[in-house]
Amino acid sequence: MGQEQHATWGGRFSEEPAERMLRFSESVSFDARLARYDVRVNKAHSAMLCKIGILTAGERDAIHAGLDALEKRIEAGELSWDIRYEDVHMNLEQALTREVPAAAKLHTARSRNDQIATDMRLYFKDACGEIEEALTALLRVLVDLAERSRDVLVPGYTHLQRAQPVSLAHHWLAYAEMFGRDRDRFRTAARAANVCPLGSGALSGTTLPLDRAFVAEYLGFVDEAGRPCLTRNSMDAIADRDLFLDFAQACAVCGTHFSRVAEDMILWSSREFGFIELPDAYCTGSSLMPQKKNPDAMELLRGKAARLQGNLQTLFSLVKGLPFTYNRDLQEDKPPIFDSGDQTARSLEVLAGALSGCEIRAAVCREAVEDPLLLVTDVVDYLVQKGVPFREAHHLAGRLVRLAEEAGVPVNALPFDQVRGLHEAFAEDWTDVFDLERAMRHRTGVGMPGPEPVAAEIARWREALQS
């Protein structure tokens, strides 16, 4: 195979790697997707090498022209990735050097360790931005759904048992809160990624007079004031995988959220609930039973959530026992990261598409929420307002439920003399609490499902999503 194939490290060795070792150790099959970032890093590094006198201006320009040509070949799918060169960096360097001899100087004062660390930080900035856009699109769908369903009431559930009435809008906005926090997590990860490690070398930098600030500015690793953001310790810059964990955790938490929404949609679209009808485009049928309409998109979202959690656990296990600084184990950090980024973005797009096309079955919701038991807690409030201690009021309301069950009648149909016999605080108006409009109208506090706070939240989200 010759020295060319391992020009960055082959001089020390008298034997070429075994073929099975090449197949086992290569990473270009998955890190080739970093090629566009590697091209940018190569341009920045070569520009800096010219600035400090390692490259001439002509050599720098030739390298840049060669990189531009190489990038076009990559975009056109014309570059063949060779496992003999191990990774994306060596593949690009070898291809470039064949066309531009000056590229033999390109690896001066750097290691693949700080090179990949820089590539990955550029990837994280883009991936976080893509997922943030997907989250913003989903949030707009949820706010639109809330607007459409402001007057639709449904039972809220605890323990999957009917609990208290809420507006369907309030329910959609509850999901928005979750995904809003997810958006903040990815924004935080993007800020953490905005630090340039190039110049850290293999672990201890170099004796050459690098201008790390120049590279950082060239690649866009700058703060809001335009000042370069640099890693402060060369060993940590190479060993650090916190950003990988933060990103994977943000994906896993987001996956947990869209899985919970999916579970609700699976229940709500069942005949047993029937609150919504999912669009045909996001469902499938049965190969045997022609009547079936299966919520496959939602079920797959639950499965994707498990996958994202597994990727996070893979990364934790990968780094937990590694000594400083670089170890080849860390090559395996990229497949779970790429998978988490891809699956999170796709899952959010699917969820947004499915929800935007769902039909709200208002009549079914109305029937479900007419259950008077949903307002028994309001009876407790009624008694408390009449001076009955809460614990006693709670007990009295529970006795009302038991009496209704024993009599086989709705709780608000119990004879008044029987109700009055429980406690003198009950008056003829005690059944007023079973008026749903009254119940919702009285829920006026911040964060409650009454019409006014829900309208305020819709307006708040509309404004937030414009920025």
Protein backbone atom coordinates (compact mmCIF):
# COMPACT_ATOMS: atom_id res chain seq x y z
CA MET A 1 0.00 0.00 0.00
CA GLY A 2 2.95 2.33 0.50
CA GLN A 3 3.57 5.23 2.82
CA GLU A 4 1.11 7.54 1.03
CA GLN A 5 -1.88 5.79 2.55
CA HIS A 6 -0.83 6.55 6.12
CA ALA A 7 1.28 9.64 5.55
CA THR A 8 0.35 11.17 8.89
CA TRP A 9 1.69 8.35 11.02
CA GLY A 10 3.17 5.56 8.92
CA GLY A 11 6.87 6.36 9.37
CA ARG A 12 7.15 4.63 12.74
CA PHE A 13 5.80 1.31 11.46
CA SER A 14 7.44 -1.48 9.45
CA GLU A 15 4.14 -3.21 8.62
CA GLU A 16 0.95 -1.97 7.06
CA PRO A 17 -2.28 -2.53 8.99
CA ALA A 18 -3.94 -5.88 8.46
CA GLU A 19 -6.95 -5.76 6.13
CA ARG A 20 -9.28 -6.83 8.91
CA MET A 21 -7.80 -4.12 11.13
CA LEU A 22 -8.52 -1.54 8.43
CA ARG A 23 -12.13 -2.66 8.23
CA PHE A 24 -12.38 -2.73 12.02
CA SER A 25 -10.80 0.65 12.72
CA GLU A 26 -12.04 2.84 9.89
CA SER A 27 -14.43 5.67 10.68
CA VAL A 28 -14.87 7.27 7.27
CA SER A 29 -18.04 5.23 6.75
CA PHE A 30 -19.73 7.51 9.30
CA ASP A 31 -17.53 10.59 9.70
CA ALA A 32 -17.56 11.39 5.97
CA ARG A 33 -20.61 13.50 6.74
CA LEU A 34 -18.21 15.93 8.45
CA ALA A 35 -16.43 16.64 5.16
CA ARG A 36 -17.89 20.12 4.68
CA TYR A 37 -16.79 21.08 8.18
CA ASP A 38 -13.34 19.61 7.61
CA VAL A 39 -12.99 21.69 4.45
CA ARG A 40 -13.80 24.83 6.44
CA VAL A 41 -11.33 23.88 9.17
CA ASN A 42 -8.63 23.21 6.57
CA LYS A 43 -9.23 26.61 5.02
CA ALA A 44 -9.00 28.33 8.39
CA HIS A 45 -5.87 26.45 9.39
CA SER A 46 -4.09 27.08 6.09
CA ALA A 47 -5.00 30.77 6.22
CA MET A 48 -3.50 30.93 9.71
CA LEU A 49 -0.36 29.04 8.61
CA CYS A 50 0.08 31.66 5.91
CA LYS A 51 -0.38 34.45 8.44
CA ILE A 52 2.42 33.09 10.64
CA GLY A 53 4.76 32.38 7.69
CA ILE A 54 4.54 28.58 7.38
CA LEU A 55 2.74 28.81 4.02
CA THR A 56 3.24 31.37 1.28
CA ALA A 57 0.24 33.27 -0.02
CA GLY A 58 0.47 31.26 -3.25
CA GLU A 59 0.45 27.97 -1.34
CA ARG A 60 -2.52 29.10 0.73
CA ASP A 61 -4.45 30.14 -2.36
CA ALA A 62 -3.66 26.86 -4.11
CA ILE A 63 -4.86 24.91 -1.07
CA HIS A 64 -8.07 26.92 -0.90
CA ALA A 65 -8.74 26.45 -4.61
CA GLY A 66 -8.07 22.75 -4.22
CA LEU A 67 -10.44 22.56 -1.25
CA ASP A 68 -13.16 24.35 -3.23
CA ALA A 69 -12.77 21.85 -6.06
CA LEU A 70 -12.77 18.97 -3.60
CA GLU A 71 -15.94 20.27 -1.95
CA LYS A 72 -17.72 20.32 -5.32
CA ARG A 73 -16.69 16.71 -5.92
CA ILE A 74 -18.04 15.76 -2.50
CA GLU A 75 -21.35 17.53 -3.12
CA ALA A 76 -21.66 15.79 -6.49
CA GLY A 77 -20.93 12.41 -4.90
CA GLU A 78 -17.81 11.99 -7.02
CA LEU A 79 -15.27 11.45 -4.23
CA SER A 80 -14.67 7.84 -3.25
CA TRP A 81 -14.05 7.27 0.45
CA ASP A 82 -11.24 4.78 1.06
CA ILE A 83 -11.04 2.87 4.36
CA ARG A 84 -7.27 2.62 3.90
CA TYR A 85 -7.13 6.29 4.87
CA GLU A 86 -9.19 5.59 8.00
CA ASP A 87 -11.20 8.77 8.40
CA VAL A 88 -12.58 11.83 6.69
CA HIS A 89 -9.48 13.90 7.51
CA MET A 90 -6.96 11.61 5.88
CA ASN A 91 -9.21 10.94 2.90
CA LEU A 92 -9.52 14.65 2.21
CA GLU A 93 -5.84 15.32 2.82
CA GLN A 94 -4.75 12.55 0.47
CA ALA A 95 -7.17 13.65 -2.25
CA LEU A 96 -6.07 17.27 -1.88
CA THR A 97 -2.35 16.50 -1.84
CA ARG A 98 -2.62 14.59 -5.13
CA GLU A 99 -3.82 17.82 -6.76
CA VAL A 100 -2.04 20.43 -4.64
CA PRO A 101 1.51 19.47 -3.52
CA ALA A 102 1.55 22.31 -0.98
CA ALA A 103 -1.16 20.46 0.95
CA ALA A 104 1.63 18.28 2.36
CA LYS A 105 2.22 21.22 4.73
CA LEU A 106 -1.43 21.46 5.76
CA HIS A 107 -1.21 19.29 8.85
CA THR A 108 1.53 21.44 10.37
CA ALA A 109 0.92 22.23 14.07
CA ARG A 110 -2.27 20.25 14.43
CA SER A 111 -3.47 16.75 15.23
CA ARG A 112 -6.50 14.86 14.10
CA ASN A 113 -7.47 15.17 17.76
CA ASP A 114 -8.04 18.93 17.68
CA GLN A 115 -9.18 18.73 14.07
CA ILE A 116 -12.09 16.39 14.81
CA ALA A 117 -12.93 18.32 17.98
CA THR A 118 -13.32 21.45 15.85
CA ASP A 119 -15.30 19.67 13.13
CA MET A 120 -17.70 18.32 15.74
CA ARG A 121 -18.27 21.70 17.35
CA LEU A 122 -19.22 23.09 13.96
CA TYR A 123 -21.55 20.12 13.50
CA PHE A 124 -23.17 20.70 16.90
CA LYS A 125 -23.85 24.35 16.11
CA ASP A 126 -25.64 23.36 12.91
CA ALA A 127 -27.46 20.37 14.41
CA CYS A 128 -28.75 22.44 17.32
CA GLY A 129 -29.96 25.06 14.87
CA GLU A 130 -31.77 22.47 12.76
CA ILE A 131 -33.50 20.93 15.76
CA GLU A 132 -34.40 24.35 17.12
CA GLU A 133 -36.10 25.14 13.80
CA ALA A 134 -38.01 21.84 13.98
CA LEU A 135 -39.07 22.61 17.54
CA THR A 136 -40.21 26.10 16.56
CA ALA A 137 -42.32 24.65 13.74
CA LEU A 138 -43.87 22.14 16.15
CA LEU A 139 -44.59 24.89 18.68
CA ARG A 140 -46.44 26.87 16.02
CA VAL A 141 -48.57 23.81 15.27
CA LEU A 142 -49.39 23.40 18.96
CA VAL A 143 -50.34 27.05 19.35
CA ASP A 144 -52.53 26.83 16.24
CA LEU A 145 -54.24 23.77 17.73
CA ALA A 146 -54.78 25.66 20.96
CA GLU A 147 -56.38 28.51 19.04
CA ARG A 148 -58.68 26.08 17.23
CA SER A 149 -59.78 24.32 20.41
CA ARG A 150 -60.20 27.14 22.94
CA ASP A 151 -63.87 26.25 23.42
CA VAL A 152 -63.40 22.47 23.54
CA LEU A 153 -63.27 20.91 26.99
CA VAL A 154 -61.89 17.46 27.81
CA PRO A 155 -61.27 15.48 30.96
CA GLY A 156 -57.82 15.95 32.38
CA TYR A 157 -56.33 12.72 33.71
CA THR A 158 -54.20 11.54 36.59
CA HIS A 159 -53.36 7.86 36.91
CA LEU A 160 -55.17 7.59 33.54
CA GLN A 161 -58.40 8.21 35.44
CA ARG A 162 -60.68 11.15 34.75
CA ALA A 163 -59.73 13.92 37.17
CA GLN A 164 -60.84 17.49 36.36
CA PRO A 165 -61.98 19.33 33.24
CA VAL A 166 -59.52 21.34 31.19
CA SER A 167 -59.76 23.10 27.90
CA LEU A 168 -58.18 21.21 25.05
CA ALA A 169 -56.25 24.40 24.31
CA HIS A 170 -54.68 24.18 27.76
CA HIS A 171 -53.63 20.62 26.99
CA TRP A 172 -51.93 21.60 23.72
CA LEU A 173 -50.20 24.46 25.53
CA ALA A 174 -48.93 22.01 28.15
CA TYR A 175 -47.06 20.24 25.37
CA ALA A 176 -45.76 23.61 24.18
CA GLU A 177 -44.20 24.18 27.59
CA MET A 178 -42.27 20.92 27.30
CA PHE A 179 -40.98 21.63 23.83
CA GLY A 180 -40.19 25.21 24.77
CA ARG A 181 -37.82 23.88 27.42
CA ASP A 182 -36.32 21.57 24.82
CA ARG A 183 -35.64 24.54 22.58
CA ASP A 184 -33.81 26.23 25.45
CA ARG A 185 -31.70 23.10 25.97
CA PHE A 186 -30.56 23.06 22.35
CA ARG A 187 -29.83 26.77 22.47
CA THR A 188 -27.68 26.15 25.53
CA ALA A 189 -25.87 23.31 23.74
CA ALA A 190 -25.25 25.55 20.73
CA ARG A 191 -23.70 28.19 23.00
CA ALA A 192 -21.50 25.55 24.61
CA ALA A 193 -20.36 24.42 21.15
CA ASN A 194 -19.21 27.92 20.26
CA VAL A 195 -15.65 27.46 21.53
CA CYS A 196 -12.73 26.68 19.22
CA PRO A 197 -10.31 23.88 20.23
CA LEU A 198 -8.08 24.05 17.13
CA GLY A 199 -4.48 24.63 18.17
CA SER A 200 -4.62 22.19 21.07
CA GLY A 201 -2.70 19.66 18.99
CA ALA A 202 -2.63 16.07 20.16
CA LEU A 203 -2.86 17.26 23.78
CA SER A 204 -0.23 19.93 24.48
CA GLY A 205 -0.29 22.38 21.62
CA THR A 206 2.84 23.19 19.61
CA THR A 207 6.04 25.22 19.75
CA LEU A 208 5.04 27.01 16.55
CA PRO A 209 3.57 30.54 16.94
CA LEU A 210 -0.06 29.72 16.15
CA ASP A 211 -2.71 32.42 16.04
CA ARG A 212 -5.64 30.58 17.58
CA ALA A 213 -7.77 33.71 17.77
CA PHE A 214 -7.47 34.17 14.01
CA VAL A 215 -8.75 30.63 13.39
CA ALA A 216 -11.62 31.06 15.84
CA GLU A 217 -12.75 34.26 14.15
CA TYR A 218 -12.39 32.67 10.70
CA LEU A 219 -14.67 29.78 11.71
CA GLY A 220 -17.22 31.91 13.54
CA PHE A 221 -16.32 30.90 17.09
CA VAL A 222 -16.99 34.36 18.46
CA ASP A 223 -19.17 35.84 21.18
CA GLU A 224 -21.88 38.47 20.71
CA ALA A 225 -19.24 41.19 20.72
CA GLY A 226 -17.23 39.42 18.00
CA ARG A 227 -14.45 38.31 20.34
CA PRO A 228 -12.87 34.91 19.67
CA CYS A 229 -13.93 32.05 21.97
CA LEU A 230 -11.08 29.62 22.67
CA THR A 231 -10.70 26.51 24.79
CA ARG A 232 -8.47 27.29 27.77
CA ASN A 233 -6.73 23.96 28.36
CA SER A 234 -5.28 21.84 25.57
CA MET A 235 -5.70 18.56 27.44
CA ASP A 236 -9.31 19.21 28.33
CA ALA A 237 -10.05 20.38 24.79
CA ILE A 238 -9.05 16.94 23.49
CA ALA A 239 -10.58 14.83 26.26
CA ASP A 240 -13.80 16.81 26.73
CA ARG A 241 -17.03 15.07 25.67
CA ASP A 242 -19.42 17.10 27.82
CA LEU A 243 -20.93 18.69 24.75
CA PHE A 244 -21.64 15.24 23.30
CA LEU A 245 -23.42 14.27 26.51
CA ASP A 246 -25.32 17.55 26.69
CA PHE A 247 -26.51 17.26 23.11
CA ALA A 248 -27.46 13.60 23.44
CA GLN A 249 -29.26 14.33 26.69
CA ALA A 250 -31.18 17.20 25.10
CA CYS A 251 -32.21 14.77 22.35
CA ALA A 252 -33.19 12.09 24.88
CA VAL A 253 -35.27 14.52 26.95
CA CYS A 254 -36.93 15.84 23.81
CA GLY A 255 -37.61 12.24 22.79
CA THR A 256 -39.23 11.57 26.14
CA HIS A 257 -41.49 14.55 25.50
CA PHE A 258 -42.58 13.60 22.01
CA SER A 259 -43.08 10.03 23.20
CA ARG A 260 -45.49 11.21 25.90
CA VAL A 261 -47.41 13.29 23.38
CA ALA A 262 -47.50 10.28 21.05
CA GLU A 263 -48.94 8.11 23.80
CA ASP A 264 -51.72 10.62 24.40
CA MET A 265 -52.47 10.74 20.68
CA ILE A 266 -52.60 6.94 20.51
CA LEU A 267 -55.12 6.91 23.34
CA TRP A 268 -57.11 9.88 22.06
CA SER A 269 -57.42 8.41 18.56
CA SER A 270 -58.64 5.03 19.84
CA ARG A 271 -62.34 4.16 19.68
CA GLU A 272 -62.34 4.04 23.48
CA PHE A 273 -61.47 7.76 23.62
CA GLY A 274 -62.18 9.12 20.16
CA PHE A 275 -61.14 12.71 20.96
CA ILE A 276 -59.18 13.10 17.71
CA GLU A 277 -58.81 11.53 14.29
CA LEU A 278 -55.20 11.26 13.09
CA PRO A 279 -54.54 12.00 9.40
CA ASP A 280 -54.39 8.98 7.09
CA ALA A 281 -50.98 10.14 5.84
CA TYR A 282 -49.46 9.34 9.24
CA CYS A 283 -51.23 6.04 9.85
CA THR A 284 -51.13 2.60 8.27
CA GLY A 285 -53.48 -0.34 7.91
CA SER A 286 -53.30 -4.02 8.72
CA SER A 287 -52.17 -6.69 6.27
CA LEU A 288 -54.97 -8.93 7.61
CA MET A 289 -57.69 -6.76 9.14
CA PRO A 290 -59.08 -4.27 6.60
CA GLN A 291 -60.88 -2.12 9.17
CA LYS A 292 -57.69 -1.16 11.05
CA LYS A 293 -56.19 2.32 11.11
CA ASN A 294 -53.02 2.08 13.14
CA PRO A 295 -51.26 5.16 14.62
CA ASP A 296 -47.87 3.98 13.39
CA ALA A 297 -46.22 7.40 13.36
CA MET A 298 -47.02 7.82 17.04
CA GLU A 299 -45.86 4.32 17.93
CA LEU A 300 -42.60 4.88 16.06
CA LEU A 301 -42.10 8.11 17.97
CA ARG A 302 -42.25 6.12 21.20
CA GLY A 303 -39.66 3.75 19.75
CA LYS A 304 -37.39 6.58 18.64
CA ALA A 305 -37.43 7.92 22.20
CA ALA A 306 -35.99 4.63 23.45
CA ARG A 307 -33.31 4.82 20.76
CA LEU A 308 -32.32 8.32 21.85
CA GLN A 309 -32.05 7.20 25.47
CA GLY A 310 -29.86 4.29 24.36
CA ASN A 311 -27.53 6.64 22.48
CA LEU A 312 -27.10 8.74 25.60
CA GLN A 313 -26.29 5.68 27.68
CA THR A 314 -23.77 4.56 25.05
CA LEU A 315 -21.92 7.86 25.40
CA PHE A 316 -21.94 7.76 29.19
CA SER A 317 -20.54 4.23 29.13
CA LEU A 318 -17.96 5.20 26.51
CA VAL A 319 -16.34 8.01 28.49
CA LYS A 320 -16.84 7.03 32.12
CA GLY A 321 -13.54 5.17 32.56
CA LEU A 322 -11.23 6.82 30.03
CA PRO A 323 -7.94 8.36 31.15
CA PHE A 324 -6.95 11.75 29.77
CA THR A 325 -6.62 12.68 26.98
CA TYR A 326 -7.46 10.99 23.67
CA ASN A 327 -8.19 7.28 23.42
CA ARG A 328 -9.31 5.50 20.27
CA ASP A 329 -12.53 4.50 22.05
CA LEU A 330 -13.68 8.06 21.39
CA GLN A 331 -14.00 7.32 17.70
CA GLU A 332 -17.25 5.60 18.67
CA ASP A 333 -18.77 8.82 19.98
CA LYS A 334 -19.96 9.96 16.56
CA PRO A 335 -22.46 7.27 15.46
CA PRO A 336 -24.75 7.78 18.49
CA ILE A 337 -24.46 11.56 18.17
CA PHE A 338 -25.28 11.61 14.47
CA ASP A 339 -28.13 9.20 15.04
CA SER A 340 -29.56 11.26 17.89
CA GLY A 341 -29.41 14.47 15.87
CA ASP A 342 -31.00 12.89 12.80
CA GLN A 343 -33.73 11.01 14.64
CA THR A 344 -34.67 13.98 16.80
CA ALA A 345 -35.06 16.32 13.84
CA ARG A 346 -37.06 13.78 11.82
CA SER A 347 -39.27 12.84 14.75
CA LEU A 348 -40.19 16.46 15.43
CA GLU A 349 -41.07 16.99 11.78
CA VAL A 350 -43.29 13.89 11.77
CA LEU A 351 -45.03 14.90 14.98
CA ALA A 352 -45.69 18.40 13.65
CA GLY A 353 -47.08 16.96 10.41
CA ALA A 354 -49.35 14.49 12.17
CA LEU A 355 -50.70 17.01 14.66
CA SER A 356 -51.29 19.72 12.07
CA GLY A 357 -53.54 17.33 10.16
CA CYS A 358 -55.48 15.87 13.09
CA GLU A 359 -59.23 16.39 13.39
CA ILE A 360 -60.64 17.36 16.79
CA ARG A 361 -63.89 15.51 17.47
CA ALA A 362 -65.57 18.15 19.59
CA ALA A 363 -68.81 16.25 20.12
CA VAL A 364 -67.00 13.26 21.63
CA CYS A 365 -64.96 15.56 23.86
CA ARG A 366 -68.14 17.28 25.00
CA GLU A 367 -69.76 14.00 25.94
CA ALA A 368 -66.71 12.88 27.91
CA VAL A 369 -66.41 16.10 29.88
CA GLU A 370 -70.08 16.12 30.94
CA ASP A 371 -69.28 13.55 33.63
CA PRO A 372 -70.21 15.43 36.86
CA LEU A 373 -67.54 13.55 38.82
CA LEU A 374 -64.98 15.78 37.11
CA LEU A 375 -66.23 18.69 39.23
CA VAL A 376 -66.38 17.01 42.62
CA THR A 377 -63.19 18.83 43.60
CA ASP A 378 -65.09 22.06 42.99
CA VAL A 379 -67.54 20.88 45.65
CA VAL A 380 -64.60 20.82 48.04
CA ASP A 381 -63.81 24.43 47.10
CA TYR A 382 -67.47 25.34 47.59
CA LEU A 383 -67.40 23.98 51.14
CA VAL A 384 -64.05 25.59 51.93
CA GLN A 385 -65.48 28.97 50.92
CA LYS A 386 -68.22 28.35 53.48
CA GLY A 387 -65.68 27.84 56.24
CA VAL A 388 -65.41 24.05 56.24
CA PRO A 389 -61.81 22.89 56.83
CA PHE A 390 -60.31 21.37 53.69
CA ARG A 391 -59.79 17.88 55.11
CA GLU A 392 -63.39 17.73 56.27
CA ALA A 393 -64.63 19.15 52.95
CA HIS A 394 -62.63 16.54 51.06
CA HIS A 395 -64.17 13.79 53.18
CA LEU A 396 -67.69 15.15 52.64
CA ALA A 397 -67.23 15.28 48.87
CA GLY A 398 -66.01 11.70 48.94
CA ARG A 399 -69.14 10.67 50.84
CA LEU A 400 -71.26 12.35 48.16
CA VAL A 401 -69.58 10.20 45.52
CA ARG A 402 -70.19 7.06 47.52
CA LEU A 403 -73.86 7.95 48.03
CA ALA A 404 -74.29 8.55 44.31
CA GLU A 405 -72.65 5.25 43.43
CA GLU A 406 -74.85 3.39 45.90
CA ALA A 407 -77.98 5.08 44.52
CA GLY A 408 -76.89 4.64 40.92
CA VAL A 409 -77.40 8.32 40.06
CA PRO A 410 -75.10 11.17 39.00
CA VAL A 411 -73.61 12.91 42.01
CA ASN A 412 -75.35 16.19 41.20
CA ALA A 413 -78.73 14.38 41.11
CA LEU A 414 -78.67 13.39 44.78
CA PRO A 415 -81.72 14.68 46.72
CA PHE A 416 -80.92 17.92 48.53
CA ASP A 417 -82.23 16.67 51.90
CA GLN A 418 -79.75 13.78 51.71
CA VAL A 419 -76.94 16.12 50.84
CA ARG A 420 -77.91 18.63 53.52
CA GLY A 421 -77.89 15.78 56.01
CA LEU A 422 -74.13 15.42 55.48
CA HIS A 423 -73.34 18.99 56.56
CA GLU A 424 -75.21 22.22 57.18
CA ALA A 425 -72.84 24.12 54.87
CA PHE A 426 -74.60 22.65 51.86
CA ALA A 427 -77.25 25.02 50.46
CA GLU A 428 -79.62 24.78 47.50
CA ASP A 429 -76.96 26.30 45.25
CA TRP A 430 -74.47 23.48 45.82
CA THR A 431 -75.16 22.01 42.36
CA ASP A 432 -74.11 25.28 40.69
CA VAL A 433 -70.53 24.00 40.84
CA PHE A 434 -71.41 21.40 38.18
CA ASP A 435 -71.78 24.07 35.51
CA LEU A 436 -68.75 23.58 33.25
CA GLU A 437 -68.66 27.15 31.99
CA ARG A 438 -68.72 28.42 35.55
CA ALA A 439 -66.01 25.97 36.55
CA MET A 440 -63.69 27.12 33.78
CA ARG A 441 -64.54 30.79 34.22
CA HIS A 442 -63.45 30.63 37.84
CA ARG A 443 -60.02 29.22 36.93
CA THR A 444 -58.42 32.60 36.41
CA GLY A 445 -54.97 32.19 37.97
CA VAL A 446 -51.76 32.23 35.97
CA GLY A 447 -51.19 28.81 34.46
CA MET A 448 -54.81 27.70 34.87
CA PRO A 449 -57.12 26.43 32.08
CA GLY A 450 -59.73 29.20 32.26
CA PRO A 451 -60.54 31.17 29.08
CA GLU A 452 -58.64 34.30 30.10
CA PRO A 453 -55.32 32.70 31.10
CA VAL A 454 -55.46 30.40 28.07
CA ALA A 455 -55.99 33.37 25.75
CA ALA A 456 -53.09 35.15 27.42
CA GLU A 457 -50.84 32.12 26.94
CA ILE A 458 -51.74 31.81 23.27
CA ALA A 459 -50.86 35.47 22.79
CA ARG A 460 -47.61 35.03 24.73
CA TRP A 461 -46.58 32.07 22.59
CA ARG A 462 -47.50 33.89 19.37
CA GLU A 463 -45.20 36.73 20.34
CA ALA A 464 -42.40 34.40 21.48
CA LEU A 465 -42.48 32.47 18.21
CA GLN A 466 -42.13 35.57 16.11
CA SER A 467 -38.61 36.15 17.42
